[in-house]
PDB file of N, CA and C in Angstrom:
ATOM      1  N   MET A   1       4.708  35.548 -44.534  1.00  0.00           N
ATOM      2  CA  MET A   1       3.476  34.850 -44.868  1.00  0.00           C
ATOM      3  C   MET A   1       3.800  33.916 -45.411  1.00  0.00           C
ATOM      4  N   ALA A   2       4.530  33.836 -45.911  1.00  0.00           N
ATOM      5  CA  ALA A   2       4.544  32.265 -47.208  1.00  0.00           C
ATOM      6  C   ALA A   2       5.033  31.154 -46.065  1.00  0.00           C
ATOM      7  N   ALA A   3       6.142  31.526 -44.651  1.00  0.00           N
ATOM      8  CA  ALA A   3       6.444  30.426 -44.110  1.00  0.00           C
ATOM      9  C   ALA A   3       5.392  29.965 -43.292  1.00  0.00           C
ATOM     10  N   LYS A   4       4.061  30.632 -42.620  1.00  0.00           N
ATOM     11  CA  LYS A   4       3.254  30.460 -42.049  1.00  0.00           C
ATOM     12  C   LYS A   4       2.187  29.242 -42.479  1.00  0.00           C
ATOM     13  N   ASP A   5       2.103  29.870 -44.017  1.00  0.00           N
ATOM     14  CA  ASP A   5       1.206  29.005 -45.249  1.00  0.00           C
ATOM     15  C   ASP A   5       1.429  27.390 -45.254  1.00  0.00           C
ATOM     16  N   ALA A   6       3.014  27.461 -44.810  1.00  0.00           N
ATOM     17  CA  ALA A   6       3.518  26.212 -45.271  1.00  0.00           C
ATOM     18  C   ALA A   6       3.576  25.564 -44.090  1.00  0.00           C
ATOM     19  N   LYS A   7       3.302  25.796 -42.960  1.00  0.00           N
ATOM     20  CA  LYS A   7       3.057  25.338 -41.833  1.00  0.00           C
ATOM     21  C   LYS A   7       1.886  24.639 -41.619  1.00  0.00           C
ATOM     22  N   MET A   8       0.811  25.272 -42.123  1.00  0.00           N
ATOM     23  CA  MET A   8      -0.775  25.158 -41.959  1.00  0.00           C
ATOM     24  C   MET A   8      -0.690  23.739 -42.297  1.00  0.00           C
ATOM     25  N   PRO A   9      -0.537  23.174 -43.228  1.00  0.00           N
ATOM     26  CA  PRO A   9      -1.074  21.701 -43.205  1.00  0.00           C
ATOM     27  C   PRO A   9      -0.313  20.805 -41.885  1.00  0.00           C
ATOM     28  N   ASP A  10       0.653  21.473 -41.459  1.00  0.00           N
ATOM     29  CA  ASP A  10       1.239  20.385 -40.546  1.00  0.00           C
ATOM     30  C   ASP A  10      -0.003  20.850 -38.992  1.00  0.00           C
ATOM     31  N   HIS A  11      -0.289  21.870 -39.029  1.00  0.00           N
ATOM     32  CA  HIS A  11      -1.449  22.127 -38.047  1.00  0.00           C
ATOM     33  C   HIS A  11      -2.573  21.146 -37.907  1.00  0.00           C
ATOM     34  N   TYR A  12      -3.426  21.322 -39.263  1.00  0.00           N
ATOM     35  CA  TYR A  12      -4.312  20.322 -39.826  1.00  0.00           C
ATOM     36  C   TYR A  12      -4.024  18.546 -39.292  1.00  0.00           C
ATOM     37  N   ALA A  13      -2.628  18.166 -40.237  1.00  0.00           N
ATOM     38  CA  ALA A  13      -2.937  17.073 -39.872  1.00  0.00           C
ATOM     39  C   ALA A  13      -2.544  16.885 -37.960  1.00  0.00           C
ATOM     40  N   LEU A  14      -1.907  17.488 -37.417  1.00  0.00           N
ATOM     41  CA  LEU A  14      -1.540  17.595 -35.900  1.00  0.00           C
ATOM     42  C   LEU A  14      -3.185  17.276 -35.182  1.00  0.00           C
ATOM     43  N   ARG A  15      -3.729  18.313 -35.717  1.00  0.00           N
ATOM     44  CA  ARG A  15      -5.438  18.440 -35.053  1.00  0.00           C
ATOM     45  C   ARG A  15      -6.361  17.219 -35.330  1.00  0.00           C
ATOM     46  N   ASP A  16      -5.926  17.105 -36.832  1.00  0.00           N
ATOM     47  CA  ASP A  16      -6.800  15.533 -37.077  1.00  0.00           C
ATOM     48  C   ASP A  16      -6.286  14.375 -36.492  1.00  0.00           C
ATOM     49  N   GLU A  17      -4.901  14.282 -35.972  1.00  0.00           N
ATOM     50  CA  GLU A  17      -4.404  13.078 -35.215  1.00  0.00           C
ATOM     51  C   GLU A  17      -4.704  13.317 -33.615  1.00  0.00           C
ATOM     52  N   VAL A  18      -4.685  14.624 -33.249  1.00  0.00           N
ATOM     53  CA  VAL A  18      -5.484  14.731 -32.009  1.00  0.00           C
ATOM     54  C   VAL A  18      -7.028  14.269 -31.860  1.00  0.00           C
ATOM     55  N   GLU A  19      -7.504  14.747 -32.844  1.00  0.00           N
ATOM     56  CA  GLU A  19      -9.374  14.022 -32.590  1.00  0.00           C
ATOM     57  C   GLU A  19      -9.377  13.064 -32.940  1.00  0.00           C
ATOM     58  N   THR A  20      -8.269  12.131 -33.865  1.00  0.00           N
ATOM     59  CA  THR A  20      -8.364  10.608 -33.715  1.00  0.00           C
ATOM     60  C   THR A  20      -8.173  10.172 -32.089  1.00  0.00           C
ATOM     61  N   ILE A  21      -7.251  10.968 -31.408  1.00  0.00           N
ATOM     62  CA  ILE A  21      -6.305  10.035 -30.514  1.00  0.00           C
ATOM     63  C   ILE A  21      -7.821  10.253 -29.634  1.00  0.00           C
ATOM     64  N   ALA A  22      -8.080  11.448 -29.575  1.00  0.00           N
ATOM     65  CA  ALA A  22      -9.487  11.765 -28.432  1.00  0.00           C
ATOM     66  C   ALA A  22     -10.770  10.750 -28.764  1.00  0.00           C
ATOM     67  N   LYS A  23     -11.154  10.013 -29.941  1.00  0.00           N
ATOM     68  CA  LYS A  23     -11.975   9.286 -30.237  1.00  0.00           C
ATOM     69  C   LYS A  23     -11.558   7.865 -29.962  1.00  0.00           C
ATOM     70  N   HIS A  24      -9.664   7.577 -29.799  1.00  0.00           N
ATOM     71  CA  HIS A  24      -9.697   6.400 -29.281  1.00  0.00           C
ATOM     72  C   HIS A  24      -9.849   6.369 -27.691  1.00  0.00           C
ATOM     73  N   VAL A  25      -9.545   7.527 -27.295  1.00  0.00           N
ATOM     74  CA  VAL A  25      -9.510   8.091 -25.893  1.00  0.00           C
ATOM     75  C   VAL A  25     -10.906   7.217 -25.270  1.00  0.00           C
ATOM     76  N   ALA A  26     -11.901   7.999 -26.348  1.00  0.00           N
ATOM     77  CA  ALA A  26     -13.163   7.815 -25.169  1.00  0.00           C
ATOM     78  C   ALA A  26     -13.865   6.614 -26.173  1.00  0.00           C
ATOM     79  N   THR A  27     -13.084   5.289 -26.721  1.00  0.00           N
ATOM     80  CA  THR A  27     -13.435   4.581 -27.312  1.00  0.00           C
ATOM     81  C   THR A  27     -13.210   3.246 -26.009  1.00  0.00           C
ATOM     82  N   LEU A  28     -11.691   3.776 -25.648  1.00  0.00           N
ATOM     83  CA  LEU A  28     -11.376   2.928 -24.539  1.00  0.00           C
ATOM     84  C   LEU A  28     -11.875   3.342 -22.964  1.00  0.00           C
ATOM     85  N   ARG A  29     -12.384   4.547 -22.700  1.00  0.00           N
ATOM     86  CA  ARG A  29     -13.223   4.545 -21.715  1.00  0.00           C
ATOM     87  C   ARG A  29     -14.531   3.583 -21.835  1.00  0.00           C
ATOM     88  N   LYS A  30     -15.321   4.067 -22.634  1.00  0.00           N
ATOM     89  CA  LYS A  30     -16.468   3.274 -22.768  1.00  0.00           C
ATOM     90  C   LYS A  30     -16.310   1.544 -22.752  1.00  0.00           C
ATOM     91  N   ASP A  31     -14.955   1.129 -23.218  1.00  0.00           N
ATOM     92  CA  ASP A  31     -14.392  -0.340 -22.949  1.00  0.00           C
ATOM     93  C   ASP A  31     -14.152  -0.591 -21.711  1.00  0.00           C
ATOM     94  N   ILE A  32     -13.224   0.472 -21.158  1.00  0.00           N
ATOM     95  CA  ILE A  32     -13.396  -0.089 -19.476  1.00  0.00           C
ATOM     96  C   ILE A  32     -14.318   0.151 -18.399  1.00  0.00           C
ATOM     97  N   GLU A  33     -15.611   0.745 -18.811  1.00  0.00           N
ATOM     98  CA  GLU A  33     -16.247   0.945 -18.188  1.00  0.00           C
ATOM     99  C   GLU A  33     -17.441  -0.059 -18.284  1.00  0.00           C
ATOM    100  N   GLU A  34     -17.132  -0.686 -19.664  1.00  0.00           N
ATOM    101  CA  GLU A  34     -18.134  -1.809 -19.713  1.00  0.00           C
ATOM    102  C   GLU A  34     -17.742  -3.279 -18.918  1.00  0.00           C
ATOM    103  N   LEU A  35     -15.956  -3.136 -19.185  1.00  0.00           N
ATOM    104  CA  LEU A  35     -15.160  -4.280 -18.568  1.00  0.00           C
ATOM    105  C   LEU A  35     -15.862  -4.124 -17.133  1.00  0.00           C
ATOM    106  N   GLY A  36     -15.570  -2.730 -16.292  1.00  0.00           N
ATOM    107  CA  GLY A  36     -15.540  -2.872 -15.004  1.00  0.00           C
ATOM    108  C   GLY A  36     -17.326  -3.445 -14.752  1.00  0.00           C
ATOM    109  N   ALA A  37     -18.402  -3.000 -15.403  1.00  0.00           N
ATOM    110  CA  ALA A  37     -19.467  -3.611 -15.268  1.00  0.00           C
ATOM    111  C   ALA A  37     -19.473  -4.992 -14.965  1.00  0.00           C
ATOM    112  N   SER A  38     -19.018  -5.771 -16.354  1.00  0.00           N
ATOM    113  CA  SER A  38     -19.153  -7.078 -16.667  1.00  0.00           C
ATOM    114  C   SER A  38     -17.971  -7.921 -15.192  1.00  0.00           C
ATOM    115  N   VAL A  39     -17.121  -6.833 -14.801  1.00  0.00           N
ATOM    116  CA  VAL A  39     -16.351  -7.981 -13.629  1.00  0.00           C
ATOM    117  C   VAL A  39     -17.152  -7.505 -12.235  1.00  0.00           C
ATOM    118  N   ALA A  40     -18.246  -6.622 -12.325  1.00  0.00           N
ATOM    119  CA  ALA A  40     -18.802  -6.062 -11.144  1.00  0.00           C
ATOM    120  C   ALA A  40     -20.146  -7.468 -10.956  1.00  0.00           C
ATOM    121  N   ARG A  41     -20.495  -7.622 -12.054  1.00  0.00           N
ATOM    122  CA  ARG A  41     -21.938  -8.498 -12.261  1.00  0.00           C
ATOM    123  C   ARG A  41     -20.903  -9.972 -12.176  1.00  0.00           C
ATOM    124  N   ALA A  42     -19.824 -10.251 -12.343  1.00  0.00           N
ATOM    125  CA  ALA A  42     -19.388 -11.533 -11.745  1.00  0.00           C
ATOM    126  C   ALA A  42     -19.003 -11.639 -10.410  1.00  0.00           C
ATOM    127  N   GLY A  43     -18.766 -10.717  -9.959  1.00  0.00           N
ATOM    128  CA  GLY A  43     -18.430 -10.741  -8.558  1.00  0.00           C
ATOM    129  C   GLY A  43     -19.582 -10.508  -8.195  1.00  0.00           C
ATOM    130  N   GLY A  44     -20.616 -10.117  -7.789  1.00  0.00           N
ATOM    131  CA  GLY A  44     -21.817 -10.277  -7.692  1.00  0.00           C
ATOM    132  C   GLY A  44     -22.029 -11.571  -7.335  1.00  0.00           C
ATOM    133  N   HIS A  45     -22.133 -12.447  -8.470  1.00  0.00           N
ATOM    134  CA  HIS A  45     -22.694 -13.528  -8.794  1.00  0.00           C
ATOM    135  C   HIS A  45     -21.615 -14.610  -8.347  1.00  0.00           C
ATOM    136  N   GLN A  46     -20.387 -14.711  -7.748  1.00  0.00           N
ATOM    137  CA  GLN A  46     -19.396 -15.455  -6.973  1.00  0.00           C
ATOM    138  C   GLN A  46     -19.840 -14.553  -5.225  1.00  0.00           C
ATOM    139  N   ALA A  47     -20.167 -13.514  -4.858  1.00  0.00           N
ATOM    140  CA  ALA A  47     -20.861 -13.173  -4.147  1.00  0.00           C
ATOM    141  C   ALA A  47     -21.695 -14.177  -3.456  1.00  0.00           C
ATOM    142  N   GLU A  48     -22.847 -14.027  -4.166  1.00  0.00           N
ATOM    143  CA  GLU A  48     -23.792 -14.822  -4.036  1.00  0.00           C
ATOM    144  C   GLU A  48     -23.922 -16.227  -3.829  1.00  0.00           C
ATOM    145  N   ARG A  49     -22.928 -16.855  -4.644  1.00  0.00           N
ATOM    146  CA  ARG A  49     -22.738 -18.606  -4.826  1.00  0.00           C
ATOM    147  C   ARG A  49     -21.816 -18.707  -3.365  1.00  0.00           C
ATOM    148  N   ILE A  50     -21.124 -17.192  -2.541  1.00  0.00           N
ATOM    149  CA  ILE A  50     -20.363 -18.086  -1.304  1.00  0.00           C
ATOM    150  C   ILE A  50     -21.463 -17.860  -0.701  1.00  0.00           C
ATOM    151  N   GLN A  51     -22.297 -16.727  -0.158  1.00  0.00           N
ATOM    152  CA  GLN A  51     -22.965 -16.445   0.701  1.00  0.00           C
ATOM    153  C   GLN A  51     -23.900 -17.948   0.736  1.00  0.00           C
ATOM    154  N   HIS A  52     -24.854 -18.403  -0.389  1.00  0.00           N
ATOM    155  CA  HIS A  52     -25.273 -19.628  -0.369  1.00  0.00           C
ATOM    156  C   HIS A  52     -24.757 -20.810   0.508  1.00  0.00           C
ATOM    157  N   ALA A  53     -23.072 -20.876  -0.098  1.00  0.00           N
ATOM    158  CA  ALA A  53     -22.825 -22.111   0.611  1.00  0.00           C
ATOM    159  C   ALA A  53     -22.422 -22.269   1.892  1.00  0.00           C
ATOM    160  N   ALA A  54     -22.080 -20.335   2.520  1.00  0.00           N
ATOM    161  CA  ALA A  54     -21.943 -20.250   4.021  1.00  0.00           C
ATOM    162  C   ALA A  54     -23.047 -20.585   4.072  1.00  0.00           C
ATOM    163  N   SER A  55     -24.433 -20.470   3.894  1.00  0.00           N
ATOM    164  CA  SER A  55     -25.851 -20.737   4.316  1.00  0.00           C
ATOM    165  C   SER A  55     -26.008 -22.055   4.701  1.00  0.00           C
ATOM    166  N   GLU A  56     -25.433 -22.920   3.749  1.00  0.00           N
ATOM    167  CA  GLU A  56     -25.517 -24.296   3.835  1.00  0.00           C
ATOM    168  C   GLU A  56     -24.988 -25.117   5.106  1.00  0.00           C
ATOM    169  N   SER A  57     -23.575 -24.596   4.824  1.00  0.00           N
ATOM    170  CA  SER A  57     -22.929 -24.463   5.503  1.00  0.00           C
ATOM    171  C   SER A  57     -23.224 -24.710   6.985  1.00  0.00           C
ATOM    172  N   MET A  58     -23.707 -23.336   7.193  1.00  0.00           N
ATOM    173  CA  MET A  58     -24.210 -23.081   8.631  1.00  0.00           C
ATOM    174  C   MET A  58     -25.428 -23.719   9.154  1.00  0.00           C
ATOM    175  N   GLN A  59     -26.209 -24.425   7.980  1.00  0.00           N
ATOM    176  CA  GLN A  59     -27.174 -24.999   8.392  1.00  0.00           C
ATOM    177  C   GLN A  59     -27.198 -26.554   8.733  1.00  0.00           C
ATOM    178  N   ALA A  60     -25.831 -26.928   7.532  1.00  0.00           N
ATOM    179  CA  ALA A  60     -25.131 -27.776   8.006  1.00  0.00           C
ATOM    180  C   ALA A  60     -24.876 -28.296   9.753  1.00  0.00           C
ATOM    181  N   LEU A  61     -23.993 -27.371  10.056  1.00  0.00           N
ATOM    182  CA  LEU A  61     -23.678 -27.688  11.564  1.00  0.00           C
ATOM    183  C   LEU A  61     -24.274 -27.178  12.429  1.00  0.00           C
ATOM    184  N   GLU A  62     -25.591 -26.613  12.154  1.00  0.00           N
ATOM    185  CA  GLU A  62     -26.822 -26.460  12.705  1.00  0.00           C
ATOM    186  C   GLU A  62     -27.453 -28.162  12.980  1.00  0.00           C
ATOM    187  N   THR A  63     -27.589 -28.284  12.114  1.00  0.00           N
ATOM    188  CA  THR A  63     -28.612 -29.845  11.977  1.00  0.00           C
ATOM    189  C   THR A  63     -27.296 -31.115  12.821  1.00  0.00           C
ATOM    190  N   ASP A  64     -26.339 -31.163  12.687  1.00  0.00           N
ATOM    191  CA  ASP A  64     -24.902 -31.681  13.308  1.00  0.00           C
ATOM    192  C   ASP A  64     -25.365 -31.557  14.674  1.00  0.00           C
ATOM    193  N   VAL A  65     -25.340 -30.387  15.387  1.00  0.00           N
ATOM    194  CA  VAL A  65     -25.092 -29.850  16.622  1.00  0.00           C
ATOM    195  C   VAL A  65     -26.703 -30.331  16.995  1.00  0.00           C
ATOM    196  N   ARG A  66     -27.668 -30.084  16.435  1.00  0.00           N
ATOM    197  CA  ARG A  66     -28.631 -30.818  17.735  1.00  0.00           C
ATOM    198  C   ARG A  66     -28.895 -32.002  17.288  1.00  0.00           C
ATOM    199  N   ARG A  67     -28.235 -33.050  16.555  1.00  0.00           N
ATOM    200  CA  ARG A  67     -28.695 -34.456  16.354  1.00  0.00           C
ATOM    201  C   ARG A  67     -27.471 -34.563  17.569  1.00  0.00           C
ATOM    202  N   ASN A  68     -26.237 -34.331  17.635  1.00  0.00           N
ATOM    203  CA  ASN A  68     -25.376 -34.708  18.658  1.00  0.00           C
ATOM    204  C   ASN A  68     -24.705 -33.588  19.648  1.00  0.00           C
ATOM    205  N   PRO A  69     -25.441 -33.017  20.379  1.00  0.00           N
ATOM    206  CA  PRO A  69     -25.274 -31.932  21.345  1.00  0.00           C
ATOM    207  C   PRO A  69     -23.781 -31.920  22.230  1.00  0.00           C
ATOM    208  N   LEU A  70     -23.944 -33.438  22.760  1.00  0.00           N
ATOM    209  CA  LEU A  70     -22.995 -33.426  23.544  1.00  0.00           C
ATOM    210  C   LEU A  70     -21.644 -33.397  22.976  1.00  0.00           C
ATOM    211  N   THR A  71     -21.613 -33.999  21.707  1.00  0.00           N
ATOM    212  CA  THR A  71     -20.521 -34.242  20.765  1.00  0.00           C
ATOM    213  C   THR A  71     -19.800 -32.506  20.895  1.00  0.00           C
ATOM    214  N   ALA A  72     -21.103 -31.740  20.595  1.00  0.00           N
ATOM    215  CA  ALA A  72     -20.385 -30.546  20.032  1.00  0.00           C
ATOM    216  C   ALA A  72     -20.233 -29.943  21.240  1.00  0.00           C
ATOM    217  N   MET A  73     -20.338 -29.888  22.229  1.00  0.00           N
ATOM    218  CA  MET A  73     -19.760 -29.421  23.585  1.00  0.00           C
ATOM    219  C   MET A  73     -18.961 -29.443  24.115  1.00  0.00           C
ATOM    220  N   GLY A  74     -18.448 -31.167  23.456  1.00  0.00           N
ATOM    221  CA  GLY A  74     -17.138 -31.588  23.760  1.00  0.00           C
ATOM    222  C   GLY A  74     -16.157 -31.070  23.064  1.00  0.00           C
ATOM    223  N   ILE A  75     -16.658 -30.792  21.889  1.00  0.00           N
ATOM    224  CA  ILE A  75     -15.711 -30.386  20.707  1.00  0.00           C
ATOM    225  C   ILE A  75     -15.509 -28.792  21.067  1.00  0.00           C
ATOM    226  N   ALA A  76     -16.570 -28.451  21.779  1.00  0.00           N
ATOM    227  CA  ALA A  76     -16.037 -26.923  21.810  1.00  0.00           C
ATOM    228  C   ALA A  76     -15.140 -26.403  23.060  1.00  0.00           C
ATOM    229  N   PHE A  77     -15.426 -27.295  24.103  1.00  0.00           N
ATOM    230  CA  PHE A  77     -15.088 -27.411  24.979  1.00  0.00           C
ATOM    231  C   PHE A  77     -13.047 -27.362  24.726  1.00  0.00           C
ATOM    232  N   GLY A  78     -12.633 -28.920  24.024  1.00  0.00           N
ATOM    233  CA  GLY A  78     -11.642 -28.917  23.623  1.00  0.00           C
ATOM    234  C   GLY A  78     -10.962 -27.581  23.185  1.00  0.00           C
ATOM    235  N   VAL A  79     -11.391 -27.170  21.769  1.00  0.00           N
ATOM    236  CA  VAL A  79     -10.943 -25.656  21.289  1.00  0.00           C
ATOM    237  C   VAL A  79     -10.940 -24.622  22.487  1.00  0.00           C
ATOM    238  N   GLY A  80     -12.146 -24.746  23.133  1.00  0.00           N
ATOM    239  CA  GLY A  80     -11.660 -23.603  24.355  1.00  0.00           C
ATOM    240  C   GLY A  80     -10.014 -23.733  25.292  1.00  0.00           C
ATOM    241  N   VAL A  81     -10.257 -25.676  25.481  1.00  0.00           N
ATOM    242  CA  VAL A  81      -9.111 -25.438  26.335  1.00  0.00           C
ATOM    243  C   VAL A  81      -7.564 -25.325  25.393  1.00  0.00           C
ATOM    244  N   VAL A  82      -7.680 -25.975  24.663  1.00  0.00           N
ATOM    245  CA  VAL A  82      -6.335 -25.418  23.079  1.00  0.00           C
ATOM    246  C   VAL A  82      -6.636 -23.934  23.236  1.00  0.00           C
ATOM    247  N   PHE A  83      -7.215 -23.255  22.519  1.00  0.00           N
ATOM    248  CA  PHE A  83      -6.993 -21.635  22.909  1.00  0.00           C
ATOM    249  C   PHE A  83      -6.607 -21.365  24.027  1.00  0.00           C
ATOM    250  N   GLY A  84      -6.986 -21.402  25.275  1.00  0.00           N
ATOM    251  CA  GLY A  84      -6.684 -20.910  26.186  1.00  0.00           C
ATOM    252  C   GLY A  84      -5.423 -21.517  26.607  1.00  0.00           C
ATOM    253  N   VAL A  85      -4.867 -22.377  26.113  1.00  0.00           N
ATOM    254  CA  VAL A  85      -3.434 -22.672  26.727  1.00  0.00           C
ATOM    255  C   VAL A  85      -2.296 -22.284  25.974  1.00  0.00           C
ATOM    256  N   ILE A  86      -3.110 -21.705  24.428  1.00  0.00           N
ATOM    257  CA  ILE A  86      -2.016 -21.010  23.205  1.00  0.00           C
ATOM    258  C   ILE A  86      -2.063 -19.634  23.868  1.00  0.00           C
ATOM    259  N   VAL A  87      -3.287 -19.037  24.129  1.00  0.00           N
ATOM    260  CA  VAL A  87      -3.088 -17.502  24.626  1.00  0.00           C
ATOM    261  C   VAL A  87      -2.414 -17.165  25.910  1.00  0.00           C
ATOM    262  N   LEU A  88      -2.326 -18.160  26.653  1.00  0.00           N
ATOM    263  CA  LEU A  88      -1.535 -18.099  27.874  1.00  0.00           C
ATOM    264  C   LEU A  88       0.311 -18.198  27.760  1.00  0.00           C
ATOM    265  N   ARG A  89       0.244 -18.990  26.794  1.00  0.00           N
ATOM    266  CA  ARG A  89       1.954 -19.195  26.782  1.00  0.00           C
ATOM    267  C   ARG A  89       2.551 -17.595  25.857  1.00  0.00           C
TER     268      ARG A  89
END
């Protein structure tokens, strides 16, 4: 039994280290979750900005088409011809 008693402090030290590692893992998990939430918030904000910019661009395009319908039709015709030539090749 003396051999077992001599090893007991090692078991306690190992248990303490495992508990410490478990605490560090829990803290790391919490930090990663917070980082993920932060990135999601930032990404959501960027998505809103992109949607707003796209909406403004569409409104500007619509305004330009209403002001110059013949020019818009000419541009659309030209793009269609170029696209047709590319597709036929």
